[in-house]
Amino acid sequence: MPKFLIQATYTPEGTKGLLSEGASGRRAAVEQVVTGLGGKIEAMYFTFGEDDIVLIIDFPDPVSMAAVSLTVKASGALHTRATPLLTIDEIDEAARRQVNFRAPGP
């Protein structure tokens, strides 16, 4: 199942919601969304600094991740970044694949 690293920053409105619900309330909301699309939360941490929350999520396919990303961004409560995560085996497989490429220039 594809894994994704999610990094998010709450907007002022999103932060008000977090303060009112608490972290466990947000965890339950995220869990509902992720499991509703056949996914699983591997890790979820609140942070301080550039990001407010970091998650590692498994989804059955990238389209499920895109659907969640679009819906969350449309809410205006968070600014998010989703990064696909690849295993060592997947990178080994990619390294074995023949790619016909010519760099620009003479």
C-alpha atoms as a PDB file:
ATOM      1  CA  MET A   1       0.000   0.000   0.000  1.00  0.00           C
ATOM      2  CA  PRO A   2       1.501   3.396  -0.933  1.00  0.00           C
ATOM      3  CA  LYS A   3       2.738   5.524   1.977  1.00  0.00           C
ATOM      4  CA  PHE A   4       2.610   9.297   2.176  1.00  0.00           C
ATOM      5  CA  LEU A   5       4.274  11.819   4.449  1.00  0.00           C
ATOM      6  CA  ILE A   6       1.809  14.596   5.252  1.00  0.00           C
ATOM      7  CA  GLN A   7       3.079  17.901   6.634  1.00  0.00           C
ATOM      8  CA  ALA A   8       0.457  20.471   7.559  1.00  0.00           C
ATOM      9  CA  THR A   9       0.115  23.899   9.054  1.00  0.00           C
ATOM     10  CA  TYR A  10      -3.122  25.067  10.637  1.00  0.00           C
ATOM     11  CA  THR A  11      -4.674  28.351   9.546  1.00  0.00           C
ATOM     12  CA  PRO A  12      -5.969  30.588  12.366  1.00  0.00           C
ATOM     13  CA  GLU A  13      -9.433  29.035  11.943  1.00  0.00           C
ATOM     14  CA  GLY A  14      -7.968  25.525  11.991  1.00  0.00           C
ATOM     15  CA  THR A  15      -6.026  26.332  15.154  1.00  0.00           C
ATOM     16  CA  LYS A  16      -9.243  27.517  16.837  1.00  0.00           C
ATOM     17  CA  GLY A  17     -10.811  24.170  15.949  1.00  0.00           C
ATOM     18  CA  LEU A  18      -7.818  22.293  17.365  1.00  0.00           C
ATOM     19  CA  LEU A  19      -8.013  24.292  20.599  1.00  0.00           C
ATOM     20  CA  SER A  20     -11.712  23.529  20.906  1.00  0.00           C
ATOM     21  CA  GLU A  21     -11.506  19.776  20.018  1.00  0.00           C
ATOM     22  CA  GLY A  22      -8.089  18.903  21.339  1.00  0.00           C
ATOM     23  CA  ALA A  23      -5.530  16.664  19.671  1.00  0.00           C
ATOM     24  CA  SER A  24      -7.532  13.486  20.327  1.00  0.00           C
ATOM     25  CA  GLY A  25     -10.538  14.991  18.552  1.00  0.00           C
ATOM     26  CA  ARG A  26      -8.421  15.762  15.501  1.00  0.00           C
ATOM     27  CA  ARG A  27      -6.905  12.261  15.598  1.00  0.00           C
ATOM     28  CA  ALA A  28     -10.411  10.773  15.529  1.00  0.00           C
ATOM     29  CA  ALA A  29     -11.414  13.001  12.595  1.00  0.00           C
ATOM     30  CA  VAL A  30      -8.298  12.079  10.605  1.00  0.00           C
ATOM     31  CA  GLU A  31      -8.764   8.389  11.414  1.00  0.00           C
ATOM     32  CA  GLN A  32     -12.343   8.508  10.126  1.00  0.00           C
ATOM     33  CA  VAL A  33     -11.300  10.086   6.825  1.00  0.00           C
ATOM     34  CA  VAL A  34      -8.323   7.795   6.253  1.00  0.00           C
ATOM     35  CA  THR A  35     -10.047   4.515   7.166  1.00  0.00           C
ATOM     36  CA  GLY A  36     -13.124   5.571   5.188  1.00  0.00           C
ATOM     37  CA  LEU A  37     -10.975   5.401   2.051  1.00  0.00           C
ATOM     38  CA  GLY A  38      -9.322   2.112   2.996  1.00  0.00           C
ATOM     39  CA  GLY A  39      -6.195   3.685   4.486  1.00  0.00           C
ATOM     40  CA  LYS A  40      -4.342   3.518   7.771  1.00  0.00           C
ATOM     41  CA  ILE A  41      -2.512   6.045   9.927  1.00  0.00           C
ATOM     42  CA  GLU A  42       0.966   4.739  10.711  1.00  0.00           C
ATOM     43  CA  ALA A  43       2.053   7.765  12.732  1.00  0.00           C
ATOM     44  CA  MET A  44       0.634  11.147  13.724  1.00  0.00           C
ATOM     45  CA  TYR A  45       2.576  13.793  15.606  1.00  0.00           C
ATOM     46  CA  PHE A  46       1.876  17.387  16.503  1.00  0.00           C
ATOM     47  CA  THR A  47       4.906  19.621  16.144  1.00  0.00           C
ATOM     48  CA  PHE A  48       5.892  23.238  16.524  1.00  0.00           C
ATOM     49  CA  GLY A  49       7.912  25.216  14.051  1.00  0.00           C
ATOM     50  CA  GLU A  50       7.153  25.398  10.352  1.00  0.00           C
ATOM     51  CA  ASP A  51       4.646  22.512  10.511  1.00  0.00           C
ATOM     52  CA  ASP A  52       1.937  21.921  13.111  1.00  0.00           C
ATOM     53  CA  ILE A  53       1.293  18.255  12.351  1.00  0.00           C
ATOM     54  CA  VAL A  54       3.143  15.424  10.613  1.00  0.00           C
ATOM     55  CA  LEU A  55       1.584  12.112   9.588  1.00  0.00           C
ATOM     56  CA  ILE A  56       2.582   8.952   7.782  1.00  0.00           C
ATOM     57  CA  ILE A  57      -0.451   7.474   6.084  1.00  0.00           C
ATOM     58  CA  ASP A  58      -1.011   4.355   3.987  1.00  0.00           C
ATOM     59  CA  PHE A  59      -3.601   4.590   1.215  1.00  0.00           C
ATOM     60  CA  PRO A  60      -4.663   1.935  -1.290  1.00  0.00           C
ATOM     61  CA  ASP A  61      -3.763   4.250  -4.178  1.00  0.00           C
ATOM     62  CA  PRO A  62      -2.589   7.797  -4.986  1.00  0.00           C
ATOM     63  CA  VAL A  63      -6.106   8.816  -6.061  1.00  0.00           C
ATOM     64  CA  SER A  64      -7.330   8.308  -2.483  1.00  0.00           C
ATOM     65  CA  MET A  65      -4.541  10.564  -1.235  1.00  0.00           C
ATOM     66  CA  ALA A  66      -5.436  13.179  -3.853  1.00  0.00           C
ATOM     67  CA  ALA A  67      -9.115  13.061  -2.837  1.00  0.00           C
ATOM     68  CA  VAL A  68      -8.245  13.699   0.813  1.00  0.00           C
ATOM     69  CA  SER A  69      -5.762  16.420  -0.108  1.00  0.00           C
ATOM     70  CA  LEU A  70      -8.301  18.290  -2.245  1.00  0.00           C
ATOM     71  CA  THR A  71     -11.004  18.071   0.424  1.00  0.00           C
ATOM     72  CA  VAL A  72      -8.717  19.187   3.259  1.00  0.00           C
ATOM     73  CA  LYS A  73      -7.293  22.089   1.254  1.00  0.00           C
ATOM     74  CA  ALA A  74     -10.798  23.204   0.232  1.00  0.00           C
ATOM     75  CA  SER A  75     -11.739  23.462   3.924  1.00  0.00           C
ATOM     76  CA  GLY A  76      -9.269  26.307   4.386  1.00  0.00           C
ATOM     77  CA  ALA A  77      -8.329  24.948   7.837  1.00  0.00           C
ATOM     78  CA  LEU A  78      -4.889  23.627   6.840  1.00  0.00           C
ATOM     79  CA  HIS A  79      -2.092  24.142   4.363  1.00  0.00           C
ATOM     80  CA  THR A  80      -0.756  20.685   3.491  1.00  0.00           C
ATOM     81  CA  ARG A  81       2.032  18.949   1.609  1.00  0.00           C
ATOM     82  CA  ALA A  82       1.851  15.265   0.681  1.00  0.00           C
ATOM     83  CA  THR A  83       5.058  13.445  -0.235  1.00  0.00           C
ATOM     84  CA  PRO A  84       4.996   9.885  -1.604  1.00  0.00           C
ATOM     85  CA  LEU A  85       7.326   7.602   0.373  1.00  0.00           C
ATOM     86  CA  LEU A  86       9.175   4.789  -1.383  1.00  0.00           C
ATOM     87  CA  THR A  87      10.651   1.684   0.219  1.00  0.00           C
ATOM     88  CA  ILE A  88      14.228   0.545  -0.278  1.00  0.00           C
ATOM     89  CA  ASP A  89      12.956  -2.309  -2.485  1.00  0.00           C
ATOM     90  CA  GLU A  90      11.013   0.142  -4.653  1.00  0.00           C
ATOM     91  CA  ILE A  91      14.113   2.285  -5.179  1.00  0.00           C
ATOM     92  CA  ASP A  92      16.180  -0.831  -5.961  1.00  0.00           C
ATOM     93  CA  GLU A  93      13.577  -1.793  -8.566  1.00  0.00           C
ATOM     94  CA  ALA A  94      13.642   1.714 -10.030  1.00  0.00           C
ATOM     95  CA  ALA A  95      17.439   1.624 -10.214  1.00  0.00           C
ATOM     96  CA  ARG A  96      17.286  -1.620 -12.240  1.00  0.00           C
ATOM     97  CA  ARG A  97      14.897  -0.229 -14.833  1.00  0.00           C
ATOM     98  CA  GLN A  98      16.395   0.823 -18.133  1.00  0.00           C
ATOM     99  CA  VAL A  99      15.673   4.460 -18.959  1.00  0.00           C
ATOM    100  CA  ASN A 100      16.600   5.986 -22.316  1.00  0.00           C
ATOM    101  CA  PHE A 101      17.514   9.559 -21.508  1.00  0.00           C
ATOM    102  CA  ARG A 102      19.767  12.128 -23.111  1.00  0.00           C
ATOM    103  CA  ALA A 103      20.815  15.154 -21.092  1.00  0.00           C
ATOM    104  CA  PRO A 104      20.368  18.550 -22.755  1.00  0.00           C
ATOM    105  CA  GLY A 105      23.283  20.015 -24.665  1.00  0.00           C
ATOM    106  CA  PRO A 106      25.823  18.765 -27.176  1.00  0.00           C
END
